[in-house]
Amino acid sequence: MITYLASICASALSFIFIVFAIGAIGYLVGGIKVKGIELGTAGVLLVALIYGVAMTFLPVMVNAAGETLGNGFQIDTKQIILWSSKLKANFGIVSNIGTALFVTAVGLIAGPKFFRSFNKSTLAYIVLGFVVIVLGAGTAALFAIFDKQCSASMAVGLLTGGLTSTPGFSAGKEVAMALDEASKAAAALDPSVVATTFEADVTAGYGIAYTFGVLGVVLFVQIVPKILKVNMANEVANFQAANAIKIPELTKKVTALDPFGFFAFFVAVALGCLIGAIKIPVINFSLGNSGGCLIGGLIVGHFAHIGGVDCRIKKETLNFMRELGLVLFLIGAGVPGGVNFIEKFKWTYFVYGAVMTTVPMIVGYIIARYVFKLSILNNLGSITGGMTSTPALGTLIATAGTDEVSAAYAATYPFALVSIVLAAKIIIMVL
């Protein structure tokens, strides 16, 4: 009987079970409405974060309970710790796959109109992408300068977490790792030198700020239209009229290889990964899989064919892939984020991260509205791109009832991405 129960428990704790259980419970939480506001898909993130936090205490709870469950059934604490580390690694794969699915779908949706719609608003998107990141980076630098306990690497972790930027986080870790290695080498030669732990600070800061970074923007794109009492139906109608672009029909005969368009989708992802891997040597910058897949989707969506092969994909398929990608991304990023959240948590760091999210978001919105005169949907779409917030775009699409708002996101995102990667490196190296 004990063996049978152990088998059931092992199955219940399997990686596949956990991923889908988090998704199911997350949708239940996300569906709860309070005065018309709901977390939506971001409820999945909240559940994933809670699971990640709980997982950090699992080995402790096992030790406190003792090594035996009765009837000779033994608990191997070392195996549980090993299981936890493997689980965290697996969630990284889930996050990467989710990101690729989501941003590629966004690119394919926006692609047919994106390159055909360059106008004066495009300059506004480019400027906003830079402005949002500069505001966040400036705030991070101020905290690092005036709070001696907040290292530059911690500030970068909080910044990239507050802006939910995985590429920025990776760039910060890269610089921090190099500094740590140099410090270890110096400590090996001189015992009086204390080795630094910059990489650990970046990781912990990212985890601390990530929660508010996601939920803050998700709630922002829902609350602002309600505060302004926006008639969403009228806004969508005006938005569609202003952004009406005629997409030319394919003049050559093409053949569809599959009914769902998976060939075209996989080509866009593969192309995006190749684009994302290209590095600019001088600044050691690359778009990464997230930025690359967005560009790959835009290119395939724009041309709509490869030779005689049809690369047009049904809207229903793209909507499905976008939502699936978003859920997988939230699960994959949320669990490790919950683990890192506990590691070096301080309320002051949490507040710093919240400020780094809120200041760029609000100031960016004001600039978009009063300087560039963008409509509410273009405004919020560009803010989600400037904040590099994948979940917020999903929420905005649900709030607006149209996925055409993704065009503003797609226009702003690449410039914000370049800016956050450079800002992360500069802050650590200069401060």
Protein backbone atom coordinates (compact mmCIF):
# COMPACT_ATOMS: atom_id res chain seq x y z
CA MET A 1 0.00 0.00 0.00
CA ILE A 2 2.81 2.40 0.94
CA THR A 3 4.60 1.63 -2.32
CA TYR A 4 1.41 2.26 -4.26
CA LEU A 5 0.88 5.63 -2.52
CA ALA A 6 4.49 6.56 -3.16
CA SER A 7 3.95 5.81 -6.86
CA ILE A 8 0.86 8.04 -6.93
CA CYS A 9 2.77 10.85 -5.19
CA ALA A 10 5.65 10.54 -7.65
CA SER A 11 3.21 10.82 -10.57
CA ALA A 12 1.51 13.83 -8.97
CA LEU A 13 4.88 15.53 -8.57
CA SER A 14 5.94 14.82 -12.16
CA PHE A 15 7.01 17.78 -14.23
CA ILE A 16 4.17 17.48 -16.75
CA PHE A 17 1.56 17.30 -13.98
CA ILE A 18 2.95 20.41 -12.26
CA VAL A 19 3.01 22.48 -15.47
CA PHE A 20 -0.62 21.72 -16.31
CA ALA A 21 -1.81 21.95 -12.70
CA ILE A 22 -0.29 25.45 -12.42
CA GLY A 23 -1.99 26.40 -15.68
CA ALA A 24 -5.39 25.09 -14.56
CA ILE A 25 -5.31 26.72 -11.12
CA GLY A 26 -3.89 29.91 -12.64
CA TYR A 27 -6.84 30.28 -14.99
CA LEU A 28 -9.21 29.82 -12.06
CA VAL A 29 -7.44 32.57 -10.13
CA GLY A 30 -7.20 34.80 -13.20
CA GLY A 31 -10.95 34.53 -13.80
CA ILE A 32 -11.81 36.17 -10.47
CA LYS A 33 -13.11 39.69 -11.07
CA VAL A 34 -12.96 42.56 -8.56
CA LYS A 35 -14.88 45.64 -9.77
CA GLY A 36 -14.36 44.58 -13.36
CA ILE A 37 -10.59 44.07 -12.97
CA GLU A 38 -9.11 40.60 -13.34
CA LEU A 39 -5.66 39.12 -13.61
CA GLY A 40 -6.62 37.01 -16.61
CA THR A 41 -3.71 34.95 -17.88
CA ALA A 42 -1.44 36.67 -15.35
CA GLY A 43 -3.22 34.56 -12.72
CA VAL A 44 -1.07 31.72 -14.04
CA LEU A 45 2.03 33.74 -13.16
CA LEU A 46 0.78 34.34 -9.63
CA VAL A 47 0.21 30.62 -9.04
CA ALA A 48 3.61 29.78 -10.59
CA LEU A 49 5.33 32.28 -8.28
CA ILE A 50 3.57 30.84 -5.23
CA TYR A 51 4.63 27.34 -6.26
CA GLY A 52 8.22 28.53 -6.73
CA VAL A 53 8.24 30.09 -3.26
CA ALA A 54 6.76 26.91 -1.74
CA MET A 55 9.35 24.77 -3.52
CA THR A 56 12.21 26.63 -1.80
CA PHE A 57 10.86 25.49 1.58
CA LEU A 58 10.29 21.85 0.55
CA PRO A 59 13.70 20.47 1.65
CA VAL A 60 13.39 22.38 4.96
CA MET A 61 9.94 20.94 5.65
CA VAL A 62 11.16 17.45 4.87
CA ASN A 63 14.05 17.79 7.30
CA ALA A 64 11.76 19.15 9.99
CA ALA A 65 9.41 16.19 9.55
CA GLY A 66 12.24 13.70 9.92
CA GLU A 67 13.64 11.11 7.56
CA THR A 68 10.92 8.49 7.90
CA LEU A 69 7.25 8.44 6.93
CA GLY A 70 6.45 5.27 8.86
CA ASN A 71 6.33 1.58 7.90
CA GLY A 72 9.90 1.78 6.78
CA PHE A 73 9.19 4.15 3.88
CA GLN A 74 12.27 6.37 3.62
CA ILE A 75 12.52 9.94 2.35
CA ASP A 76 15.79 10.73 0.59
CA THR A 77 16.30 14.46 1.20
CA LYS A 78 19.20 14.63 -1.25
CA GLN A 79 16.99 13.22 -3.99
CA ILE A 80 14.33 15.84 -3.29
CA ILE A 81 16.90 18.63 -3.56
CA LEU A 82 18.17 17.11 -6.82
CA TRP A 83 14.57 16.90 -8.03
CA SER A 84 14.08 20.60 -7.24
CA SER A 85 17.18 21.70 -9.18
CA LYS A 86 16.18 19.63 -12.20
CA LEU A 87 12.68 21.05 -12.01
CA LYS A 88 13.98 24.62 -12.13
CA ALA A 89 16.11 23.79 -15.18
CA ASN A 90 13.10 22.26 -16.93
CA PHE A 91 11.02 25.36 -16.30
CA GLY A 92 13.64 27.39 -18.16
CA ILE A 93 12.94 25.28 -21.26
CA VAL A 94 9.19 25.83 -20.83
CA SER A 95 9.75 29.59 -20.61
CA ASN A 96 11.91 29.67 -23.75
CA ILE A 97 9.40 27.66 -25.78
CA GLY A 98 6.55 29.84 -24.53
CA THR A 99 8.41 33.03 -25.44
CA ALA A 100 9.15 31.73 -28.94
CA LEU A 101 5.50 30.77 -29.53
CA PHE A 102 4.12 34.05 -28.21
CA VAL A 103 6.36 36.59 -29.90
CA THR A 104 6.37 34.66 -33.19
CA ALA A 105 2.56 34.67 -33.20
CA VAL A 106 2.57 38.40 -32.42
CA GLY A 107 5.00 38.99 -35.31
CA LEU A 108 2.93 36.92 -37.73
CA ILE A 109 -0.26 38.77 -36.73
CA ALA A 110 1.35 42.20 -37.09
CA GLY A 111 3.53 41.29 -40.10
CA PRO A 112 1.08 41.88 -42.98
CA LYS A 113 0.57 45.52 -41.87
CA PHE A 114 3.73 46.32 -39.94
CA PHE A 115 6.12 47.29 -42.75
CA ARG A 116 3.28 48.86 -44.76
CA SER A 117 2.23 51.19 -41.97
CA PHE A 118 5.37 53.22 -41.28
CA ASN A 119 4.33 56.82 -40.60
CA LYS A 120 4.92 59.60 -38.08
CA SER A 121 3.62 57.31 -35.30
CA THR A 122 6.56 54.99 -35.95
CA LEU A 123 8.98 57.66 -34.74
CA ALA A 124 6.88 58.01 -31.59
CA TYR A 125 7.18 54.27 -30.94
CA ILE A 126 10.95 54.37 -31.38
CA VAL A 127 11.32 57.35 -29.02
CA LEU A 128 9.01 55.78 -26.44
CA GLY A 129 11.01 52.56 -26.49
CA PHE A 130 14.15 54.49 -25.57
CA VAL A 131 12.44 56.87 -23.12
CA VAL A 132 10.84 54.12 -21.05
CA ILE A 133 14.14 52.29 -20.63
CA VAL A 134 16.14 55.47 -19.92
CA LEU A 135 13.67 56.40 -17.19
CA GLY A 136 13.91 52.95 -15.64
CA ALA A 137 17.70 52.85 -15.92
CA GLY A 138 18.01 56.34 -14.43
CA THR A 139 15.84 55.31 -11.48
CA ALA A 140 17.94 52.16 -10.96
CA ALA A 141 21.17 54.18 -11.05
CA LEU A 142 19.85 56.64 -8.44
CA PHE A 143 18.93 53.83 -6.05
CA ALA A 144 22.36 52.25 -6.48
CA ILE A 145 24.09 55.59 -5.84
CA PHE A 146 22.11 56.71 -2.78
CA ASP A 147 21.56 53.30 -1.13
CA LYS A 148 24.99 51.86 -0.39
CA GLN A 149 23.44 48.48 0.46
CA CYS A 150 21.93 48.25 -3.05
CA SER A 151 24.76 47.19 -5.33
CA ALA A 152 24.79 48.08 -9.02
CA SER A 153 24.20 44.42 -9.87
CA MET A 154 21.19 44.28 -7.52
CA ALA A 155 19.86 47.47 -9.15
CA VAL A 156 20.21 45.88 -12.59
CA GLY A 157 18.41 42.77 -11.39
CA LEU A 158 15.58 44.92 -10.03
CA LEU A 159 15.48 46.94 -13.26
CA THR A 160 15.30 43.94 -15.58
CA GLY A 161 12.78 42.24 -13.29
CA GLY A 162 10.67 45.39 -13.05
CA LEU A 163 10.65 45.61 -16.85
CA THR A 164 10.28 41.80 -17.22
CA SER A 165 13.22 41.75 -19.64
CA THR A 166 14.89 38.36 -19.91
CA PRO A 167 17.47 39.60 -22.49
CA GLY A 168 18.38 42.50 -20.18
CA PHE A 169 18.64 40.06 -17.27
CA SER A 170 20.93 37.81 -19.33
CA ALA A 171 23.10 40.77 -20.32
CA GLY A 172 23.42 41.87 -16.69
CA LYS A 173 24.33 38.35 -15.60
CA GLU A 174 26.95 38.12 -18.33
CA VAL A 175 28.77 41.24 -17.12
CA ALA A 176 28.35 40.22 -13.47
CA MET A 177 29.79 36.75 -14.13
CA ALA A 178 32.85 38.30 -15.78
CA LEU A 179 33.39 40.58 -12.78
CA ASP A 180 32.94 37.65 -10.38
CA GLU A 181 35.50 35.57 -12.25
CA ALA A 182 37.99 38.43 -12.20
CA SER A 183 37.35 38.90 -8.48
CA LYS A 184 37.87 35.18 -7.78
CA ALA A 185 41.16 35.26 -9.66
CA ALA A 186 42.28 38.28 -7.64
CA ALA A 187 41.19 36.61 -4.37
CA ALA A 188 43.19 33.51 -5.25
CA LEU A 189 46.32 35.63 -5.58
CA ASP A 190 45.65 37.88 -2.58
CA PRO A 191 43.82 36.40 0.47
CA SER A 192 42.88 39.91 1.62
CA VAL A 193 40.67 40.39 -1.45
CA VAL A 194 37.03 39.31 -0.93
CA ALA A 195 35.44 37.67 -3.95
CA THR A 196 32.27 39.39 -5.23
CA THR A 197 28.87 37.80 -5.83
CA PHE A 198 27.48 40.16 -8.45
CA GLU A 199 25.78 37.39 -10.43
CA ALA A 200 23.78 36.24 -7.39
CA ASP A 201 22.62 39.84 -6.82
CA VAL A 202 21.39 40.19 -10.40
CA THR A 203 19.44 36.93 -10.17
CA ALA A 204 17.92 37.75 -6.79
CA GLY A 205 16.98 41.30 -7.84
CA TYR A 206 15.26 39.99 -10.97
CA GLY A 207 13.18 37.57 -8.91
CA ILE A 208 12.23 40.21 -6.33
CA ALA A 209 11.03 42.78 -8.88
CA TYR A 210 9.54 40.41 -11.46
CA THR A 211 6.22 39.86 -9.66
CA PHE A 212 5.25 43.52 -9.54
CA GLY A 213 6.82 44.05 -12.96
CA VAL A 214 4.29 41.69 -14.55
CA LEU A 215 1.22 42.34 -12.41
CA GLY A 216 1.76 46.12 -12.35
CA VAL A 217 1.63 46.53 -16.14
CA VAL A 218 -1.17 43.97 -16.50
CA LEU A 219 -3.34 45.95 -14.09
CA PHE A 220 -2.25 49.30 -15.59
CA VAL A 221 -3.60 48.51 -19.09
CA GLN A 222 -6.94 47.55 -17.53
CA ILE A 223 -7.26 50.33 -14.97
CA VAL A 224 -6.34 53.31 -17.20
CA PRO A 225 -9.25 52.83 -19.66
CA LYS A 226 -11.65 52.49 -16.71
CA ILE A 227 -10.32 55.63 -14.98
CA LEU A 228 -10.65 57.57 -18.24
CA LYS A 229 -14.07 55.97 -18.84
CA VAL A 230 -13.01 54.97 -22.33
CA ASN A 231 -15.70 53.69 -24.69
CA MET A 232 -13.69 50.72 -25.90
CA ALA A 233 -16.02 49.93 -28.82
CA ASN A 234 -15.60 53.45 -30.21
CA GLU A 235 -11.85 53.42 -29.59
CA VAL A 236 -11.46 50.11 -31.41
CA ALA A 237 -13.56 51.39 -34.36
CA ASN A 238 -11.49 54.59 -34.61
CA PHE A 239 -8.27 52.62 -34.18
CA GLN A 240 -9.15 50.22 -36.99
CA ALA A 241 -10.19 53.08 -39.28
CA ALA A 242 -6.95 54.97 -38.64
CA ASN A 243 -4.85 51.87 -39.11
CA ALA A 244 -6.66 50.50 -42.16
CA ILE A 245 -3.97 49.10 -44.43
CA LYS A 246 -4.74 47.28 -47.65
CA ILE A 247 -2.85 44.00 -47.77
CA PRO A 248 -2.13 42.95 -51.36
CA GLU A 249 -3.32 39.54 -52.47
CA LEU A 250 -0.75 36.98 -53.56
CA THR A 251 -0.44 37.17 -57.34
CA LYS A 252 1.39 33.88 -57.78
CA LYS A 253 -0.04 30.45 -57.20
CA VAL A 254 1.02 28.96 -53.91
CA THR A 255 0.53 25.62 -52.20
CA ALA A 256 -0.35 25.14 -48.54
CA LEU A 257 1.67 22.30 -47.01
CA ASP A 258 -0.62 21.80 -44.00
CA PRO A 259 -4.09 23.04 -43.00
CA PHE A 260 -2.97 24.80 -39.80
CA GLY A 261 0.07 26.66 -41.12
CA PHE A 262 2.54 24.91 -38.83
CA PHE A 263 5.19 24.89 -41.58
CA ALA A 264 5.14 28.68 -41.82
CA PHE A 265 5.08 29.05 -38.03
CA PHE A 266 8.07 26.74 -37.53
CA VAL A 267 9.98 28.52 -40.32
CA ALA A 268 9.34 31.86 -38.58
CA VAL A 269 10.60 30.48 -35.24
CA ALA A 270 13.70 28.93 -36.84
CA LEU A 271 14.44 32.13 -38.76
CA GLY A 272 13.94 34.14 -35.58
CA CYS A 273 16.41 32.00 -33.64
CA LEU A 274 19.02 32.57 -36.36
CA ILE A 275 18.39 36.33 -36.32
CA GLY A 276 18.50 36.36 -32.52
CA ALA A 277 21.87 34.60 -32.50
CA ILE A 278 23.57 37.32 -34.57
CA LYS A 279 25.88 39.35 -32.33
CA ILE A 280 27.23 42.85 -32.81
CA PRO A 281 30.89 42.36 -31.78
CA VAL A 282 31.70 45.84 -30.45
CA ILE A 283 28.93 45.92 -27.83
CA ASN A 284 28.41 42.15 -27.71
CA PHE A 285 24.68 42.60 -28.34
CA SER A 286 22.15 40.18 -29.80
CA LEU A 287 18.37 40.20 -29.97
CA GLY A 288 18.15 36.75 -28.42
CA ASN A 289 15.34 34.32 -29.15
CA SER A 290 12.61 36.71 -28.01
CA GLY A 291 13.61 39.65 -30.22
CA GLY A 292 14.71 37.38 -33.06
CA CYS A 293 11.44 35.44 -33.16
CA LEU A 294 9.47 38.69 -33.23
CA ILE A 295 11.46 39.84 -36.28
CA GLY A 296 11.15 36.38 -37.87
CA GLY A 297 7.37 36.48 -37.45
CA LEU A 298 7.17 39.99 -38.93
CA ILE A 299 9.18 38.94 -42.00
CA VAL A 300 7.24 35.73 -42.72
CA GLY A 301 3.94 37.49 -42.02
CA HIS A 302 4.86 40.31 -44.41
CA PHE A 303 5.88 38.19 -47.41
CA ALA A 304 3.23 35.47 -46.78
CA HIS A 305 4.99 32.93 -48.99
CA ILE A 306 8.32 31.23 -49.60
CA GLY A 307 8.61 30.55 -53.31
CA GLY A 308 5.55 28.51 -54.18
CA VAL A 309 4.72 27.62 -50.56
CA ASP A 310 1.83 29.43 -48.86
CA CYS A 311 2.88 30.92 -45.49
CA ARG A 312 -0.44 32.51 -44.57
CA ILE A 313 -1.77 31.22 -41.25
CA LYS A 314 -5.35 31.35 -40.05
CA LYS A 315 -6.08 33.91 -37.36
CA GLU A 316 -7.54 31.25 -35.09
CA THR A 317 -4.27 29.26 -35.21
CA LEU A 318 -2.19 32.35 -34.40
CA ASN A 319 -4.47 33.30 -31.51
CA PHE A 320 -4.15 29.78 -30.11
CA MET A 321 -0.35 29.76 -30.42
CA ARG A 322 -0.12 33.22 -28.88
CA GLU A 323 -2.20 32.25 -25.83
CA LEU A 324 -0.43 28.90 -25.41
CA GLY A 325 2.95 30.62 -25.64
CA LEU A 326 1.92 33.22 -23.07
CA VAL A 327 0.79 30.57 -20.57
CA LEU A 328 3.97 28.50 -20.99
CA PHE A 329 6.10 31.62 -20.64
CA LEU A 330 4.35 32.63 -17.41
CA ILE A 331 4.70 29.15 -15.92
CA GLY A 332 8.32 28.77 -16.99
CA ALA A 333 9.35 32.22 -15.74
CA GLY A 334 7.14 32.26 -12.66
CA VAL A 335 8.47 29.21 -10.82
CA PRO A 336 12.18 30.21 -10.93
CA GLY A 337 11.07 33.78 -10.15
CA GLY A 338 9.41 32.51 -6.97
CA VAL A 339 12.60 30.70 -5.97
CA ASN A 340 14.75 33.80 -6.52
CA PHE A 341 12.19 35.99 -4.76
CA ILE A 342 12.96 34.40 -1.39
CA GLU A 343 16.74 34.25 -1.73
CA LYS A 344 17.67 37.88 -0.91
CA PHE A 345 14.30 39.49 -0.37
CA LYS A 346 14.11 42.89 1.31
CA TRP A 347 11.10 45.17 1.36
CA THR A 348 13.26 48.09 0.26
CA TYR A 349 14.35 46.14 -2.84
CA PHE A 350 10.73 45.26 -3.61
CA VAL A 351 9.79 48.96 -3.38
CA TYR A 352 12.74 49.93 -5.61
CA GLY A 353 11.61 47.40 -8.22
CA ALA A 354 8.02 48.68 -8.04
CA VAL A 355 9.25 52.25 -8.61
CA MET A 356 11.32 51.10 -11.60
CA THR A 357 8.15 49.61 -13.07
CA THR A 358 5.76 52.44 -12.22
CA VAL A 359 7.80 55.56 -13.13
CA PRO A 360 8.66 54.57 -16.75
CA MET A 361 5.12 53.28 -17.29
CA ILE A 362 3.30 56.40 -16.10
CA VAL A 363 5.72 58.94 -17.58
CA GLY A 364 5.80 56.99 -20.85
CA TYR A 365 2.01 57.04 -20.96
CA ILE A 366 1.92 60.82 -20.36
CA ILE A 367 4.49 61.47 -23.11
CA ALA A 368 2.62 59.22 -25.55
CA ARG A 369 -0.67 60.95 -24.82
CA TYR A 370 0.28 64.62 -24.60
CA VAL A 371 3.44 64.85 -26.74
CA PHE A 372 2.80 62.31 -29.49
CA LYS A 373 -1.03 62.46 -29.27
CA LEU A 374 -1.38 58.69 -29.60
CA SER A 375 -4.79 57.10 -29.21
CA ILE A 376 -5.40 55.10 -26.03
CA LEU A 377 -4.86 51.77 -27.80
CA ASN A 378 -1.68 52.83 -29.59
CA ASN A 379 -0.54 54.43 -26.35
CA LEU A 380 -1.01 51.34 -24.19
CA GLY A 381 0.30 49.08 -26.97
CA SER A 382 3.53 51.08 -27.14
CA ILE A 383 3.83 51.08 -23.34
CA THR A 384 3.62 47.25 -23.23
CA GLY A 385 6.34 47.16 -25.89
CA GLY A 386 8.49 49.74 -24.10
CA MET A 387 8.12 47.79 -20.85
CA THR A 388 8.92 44.59 -22.84
CA SER A 389 5.87 43.09 -21.10
CA THR A 390 4.63 39.97 -22.87
CA PRO A 391 1.79 39.30 -20.36
CA ALA A 392 0.55 42.91 -20.52
CA LEU A 393 0.15 42.70 -24.29
CA GLY A 394 -1.97 39.58 -23.86
CA THR A 395 -4.13 41.45 -21.33
CA LEU A 396 -4.41 44.52 -23.57
CA ILE A 397 -5.56 42.37 -26.49
CA ALA A 398 -8.22 40.82 -24.25
CA THR A 399 -9.27 44.25 -22.92
CA ALA A 400 -9.46 45.88 -26.36
CA GLY A 401 -10.99 42.87 -28.07
CA THR A 402 -8.64 43.22 -31.04
CA ASP A 403 -5.14 41.88 -31.63
CA GLU A 404 -4.28 44.80 -33.93
CA VAL A 405 -2.91 46.64 -30.88
CA SER A 406 0.07 44.28 -31.18
CA ALA A 407 1.39 46.48 -34.01
CA ALA A 408 2.35 49.24 -31.55
CA TYR A 409 3.95 46.63 -29.27
CA ALA A 410 5.92 45.15 -32.18
CA ALA A 411 7.12 48.60 -33.28
CA THR A 412 8.32 49.64 -29.82
CA TYR A 413 9.66 46.34 -28.47
CA PRO A 414 12.91 46.00 -30.53
CA PHE A 415 14.15 49.46 -29.58
CA ALA A 416 13.30 48.94 -25.92
CA LEU A 417 15.06 45.57 -26.07
CA VAL A 418 18.28 47.06 -27.41
CA SER A 419 18.12 49.84 -24.80
CA ILE A 420 17.59 47.57 -21.77
CA VAL A 421 20.45 45.26 -22.77
CA LEU A 422 22.85 48.20 -23.12
CA ALA A 423 21.56 49.86 -19.94
CA ALA A 424 22.07 46.69 -17.89
CA LYS A 425 25.68 46.42 -19.02
CA ILE A 426 26.47 50.11 -18.56
CA ILE A 427 25.06 50.34 -15.01
CA ILE A 428 27.10 47.38 -13.73
CA MET A 429 30.29 48.44 -15.49
CA VAL A 430 30.09 52.15 -14.55
CA LEU A 431 28.65 51.98 -11.02
